[in-house]
């Protein structure tokens, strides 16, 4: 199911100069597509998530148009938001001369994506999914207010956990394949502790 994403990455890599020349267009269009699709995105789109844990997907699912529609929708919404944020950060960082603390902080966080991906699957998909319930919340309020707040909270928690593992010998290497004493991780100032 993720193969189209890898193909898209290859297409972007081969056409990065053309994309750079029209970066605003290639940022705004996916952003509009994402926001439009997000309006219709609800709990029904997670009906078939469990199929990824099965060695063989039942034939009745594969032949179901609903099954393919849901996976197609999730794929397009994921690709569009990825393209939007790639373009947004490219626009933001294009004029960064290294002096902006926020830009440097975001750049470092961008290098922690493997650890963030691993941790968020436990925090967001297991712990928060079993403890929080938003059934009574208006879908628009949930998607436009609650989701961004929860996302930022989970991101911050992931970064703090990754940073904390750098103080334990070999922990960040074993858990996330990061060098605990790497210069990039040492630049990430979350608290005033001397790591040396």
Protein backbone atom coordinates (compact mmCIF):
# COMPACT_ATOMS: atom_id res chain seq x y z
CA UNK A 1 0.00 0.00 0.00
CA UNK A 2 2.96 2.34 0.55
CA UNK A 3 4.56 1.65 -2.83
CA UNK A 4 2.93 4.69 -4.53
CA UNK A 5 4.61 6.91 -1.91
CA UNK A 6 8.04 5.57 -2.87
CA UNK A 7 7.23 6.14 -6.54
CA UNK A 8 6.19 9.72 -5.74
CA UNK A 9 9.47 10.27 -3.88
CA UNK A 10 11.41 9.13 -6.94
CA UNK A 11 9.35 11.45 -9.19
CA UNK A 12 10.01 14.41 -6.88
CA UNK A 13 13.73 13.63 -6.79
CA UNK A 14 13.96 13.52 -10.59
CA UNK A 15 11.96 16.73 -11.06
CA UNK A 16 13.16 18.77 -8.08
CA UNK A 17 14.45 21.66 -10.22
CA UNK A 18 11.11 22.10 -12.01
CA UNK A 19 9.29 21.81 -8.68
CA UNK A 20 11.61 24.40 -7.09
CA UNK A 21 10.80 26.89 -9.85
CA UNK A 22 7.05 26.53 -9.14
CA UNK A 23 7.28 25.76 -5.43
CA UNK A 24 4.36 27.93 -4.35
CA UNK A 25 2.01 26.19 -6.79
CA UNK A 26 3.25 22.73 -5.75
CA UNK A 27 2.66 23.68 -2.11
CA UNK A 28 -0.75 25.35 -2.35
CA UNK A 29 -2.49 22.76 -4.56
CA UNK A 30 -1.72 19.78 -2.28
CA UNK A 31 -2.64 21.94 0.73
CA UNK A 32 -6.07 22.71 -0.73
CA UNK A 33 -6.58 19.03 -1.66
CA UNK A 34 -5.65 17.97 1.88
CA UNK A 35 -7.95 20.47 3.62
CA UNK A 36 -10.84 19.56 1.30
CA UNK A 37 -10.37 15.82 1.89
CA UNK A 38 -9.95 16.34 5.62
CA UNK A 39 -13.51 17.67 5.86
CA UNK A 40 -14.87 14.24 4.86
CA UNK A 41 -12.32 12.18 6.79
CA UNK A 42 -13.93 10.37 9.75
CA UNK A 43 -13.74 7.14 11.79
CA UNK A 44 -15.13 5.06 8.91
CA UNK A 45 -11.76 5.38 7.17
CA UNK A 46 -10.17 3.15 9.82
CA UNK A 47 -12.51 0.21 9.25
CA UNK A 48 -9.87 -1.79 7.42
CA UNK A 49 -6.73 -0.86 9.37
CA UNK A 50 -6.50 -4.34 10.88
CA UNK A 51 -5.91 -5.89 7.45
CA UNK A 52 -2.29 -4.72 7.57
CA UNK A 53 -1.66 -7.18 10.42
CA UNK A 54 -2.94 -10.15 8.40
CA UNK A 55 -0.61 -12.32 6.34
CA UNK A 56 -3.38 -12.93 3.80
CA UNK A 57 -6.14 -10.37 3.26
CA UNK A 58 -9.54 -12.08 2.93
CA UNK A 59 -10.85 -12.24 -0.64
CA UNK A 60 -14.14 -10.56 0.28
CA UNK A 61 -12.18 -7.45 1.32
CA UNK A 62 -10.03 -7.34 -1.80
CA UNK A 63 -13.10 -7.55 -4.02
CA UNK A 64 -14.92 -4.84 -2.04
CA UNK A 65 -15.02 -1.40 -3.75
CA UNK A 66 -15.35 0.18 -0.29
CA UNK A 67 -12.05 -1.40 0.78
CA UNK A 68 -10.18 0.08 -2.20
CA UNK A 69 -11.94 3.46 -1.94
CA UNK A 70 -10.88 3.83 1.71
CA UNK A 71 -7.26 2.90 0.99
CA UNK A 72 -7.17 5.18 -2.06
CA UNK A 73 -8.59 8.07 -0.03
CA UNK A 74 -6.09 7.55 2.80
CA UNK A 75 -3.25 7.33 0.31
CA UNK A 76 -4.21 10.57 -1.47
CA UNK A 77 -4.79 12.51 1.76
CA UNK A 78 -1.44 11.29 3.09
CA UNK A 79 0.42 12.20 -0.08
CA UNK A 80 -1.21 15.63 -0.32
CA UNK A 81 -0.38 16.61 3.27
CA UNK A 82 3.18 15.33 2.81
CA UNK A 83 3.65 17.39 -0.36
CA UNK A 84 2.15 20.43 1.36
CA UNK A 85 4.52 20.25 4.32
CA UNK A 86 7.53 19.45 2.13
CA UNK A 87 6.77 22.56 0.08
CA UNK A 88 5.97 24.67 3.15
CA UNK A 89 9.25 23.82 4.85
CA UNK A 90 11.14 24.33 1.61
CA UNK A 91 9.64 27.82 1.37
CA UNK A 92 10.41 28.55 5.02
CA UNK A 93 13.97 27.24 4.95
CA UNK A 94 14.91 28.68 1.55
CA UNK A 95 15.76 32.04 3.12
CA UNK A 96 17.13 30.67 6.39
CA UNK A 97 20.75 31.65 6.79
CA UNK A 98 21.22 29.61 9.95
CA UNK A 99 20.34 32.44 12.30
CA UNK A 100 16.76 31.49 13.14
CA UNK A 101 16.48 29.38 16.29
CA UNK A 102 13.02 28.11 15.30
CA UNK A 103 14.20 27.02 11.86
CA UNK A 104 17.24 25.26 13.29
CA UNK A 105 15.04 23.52 15.89
CA UNK A 106 12.61 22.36 13.18
CA UNK A 107 15.51 21.18 11.04
CA UNK A 108 16.81 19.01 13.88
CA UNK A 109 13.35 17.61 14.57
CA UNK A 110 13.11 16.71 10.89
CA UNK A 111 16.10 14.42 11.37
CA UNK A 112 14.33 12.53 14.18
CA UNK A 113 11.51 11.21 12.02
CA UNK A 114 12.34 7.53 12.53
CA UNK A 115 12.16 7.83 16.32
CA UNK A 116 9.07 10.02 16.14
CA UNK A 117 7.35 7.51 13.86
CA UNK A 118 8.16 4.61 16.20
CA UNK A 119 7.06 6.43 19.37
CA UNK A 120 3.89 7.99 17.94
CA UNK A 121 2.61 4.55 16.98
CA UNK A 122 2.61 3.64 20.68
CA UNK A 123 1.56 7.01 22.10
CA UNK A 124 -1.08 7.97 19.53
CA UNK A 125 -2.35 4.70 18.12
CA UNK A 126 -2.29 2.64 21.31
CA UNK A 127 -2.30 4.74 24.48
CA UNK A 128 -4.29 7.83 23.37
CA UNK A 129 -6.64 5.80 21.17
CA UNK A 130 -7.66 3.68 24.17
CA UNK A 131 -7.93 6.56 26.66
CA UNK A 132 -9.46 9.48 24.75
CA UNK A 133 -12.92 9.62 23.21
CA UNK A 134 -14.09 12.41 20.91
CA UNK A 135 -17.37 10.88 19.71
CA UNK A 136 -19.41 13.85 20.95
CA UNK A 137 -17.15 16.49 19.39
CA UNK A 138 -18.15 18.22 16.16
CA UNK A 139 -15.99 16.75 13.34
CA UNK A 140 -14.92 20.20 12.12
CA UNK A 141 -13.85 21.25 15.63
CA UNK A 142 -12.07 17.93 16.10
CA UNK A 143 -10.17 18.09 12.77
CA UNK A 144 -9.26 21.78 12.92
CA UNK A 145 -8.63 22.29 16.67
CA UNK A 146 -8.22 19.04 18.59
CA UNK A 147 -6.13 17.19 15.99
CA UNK A 148 -3.45 19.90 15.62
CA UNK A 149 -3.17 20.30 19.41
CA UNK A 150 -2.89 16.55 19.97
CA UNK A 151 -0.39 16.26 17.09
CA UNK A 152 1.87 18.97 18.51
CA UNK A 153 1.62 17.42 21.99
CA UNK A 154 2.57 13.97 20.68
CA UNK A 155 5.42 15.47 18.62
CA UNK A 156 6.81 17.28 21.65
CA UNK A 157 6.51 14.13 23.80
CA UNK A 158 8.35 12.10 21.15
CA UNK A 159 11.17 14.64 20.88
CA UNK A 160 11.55 14.79 24.68
CA UNK A 161 11.71 10.98 24.91
CA UNK A 162 14.28 10.78 22.10
CA UNK A 163 16.35 13.52 23.71
CA UNK A 164 16.15 11.75 27.09
CA UNK A 165 17.51 8.52 25.58
CA UNK A 166 20.67 10.36 24.50
CA UNK A 167 21.67 10.53 28.18
CA UNK A 168 21.57 6.74 28.57
CA UNK A 169 24.56 4.93 27.02
CA UNK A 170 23.59 3.17 23.76
CA UNK A 171 19.83 3.70 24.35
CA UNK A 172 19.26 6.08 21.43
CA UNK A 173 21.38 3.84 19.17
CA UNK A 174 19.45 0.68 20.11
CA UNK A 175 15.97 2.24 20.09
CA UNK A 176 16.15 4.71 17.21
CA UNK A 177 19.52 4.17 15.49
CA UNK A 178 20.75 7.64 16.56
CA UNK A 179 24.16 8.48 17.88
CA UNK A 180 23.42 9.71 21.41
CA UNK A 181 26.32 12.18 21.41
CA UNK A 182 25.81 13.37 17.84
CA UNK A 183 26.24 17.14 17.33
CA UNK A 184 22.74 17.47 15.88
CA UNK A 185 21.07 15.91 18.92
CA UNK A 186 23.25 17.96 21.28
CA UNK A 187 22.02 21.13 19.52
CA UNK A 188 18.43 20.29 20.45
CA UNK A 189 18.10 22.36 23.64
CA UNK A 190 15.08 21.18 25.61
CA UNK A 191 16.49 21.67 29.08
CA UNK A 192 19.64 23.05 30.64
CA UNK A 193 21.64 19.91 31.39
CA UNK A 194 25.29 19.48 30.54
CA UNK A 195 25.47 16.34 28.42
CA UNK A 196 29.25 16.04 28.47
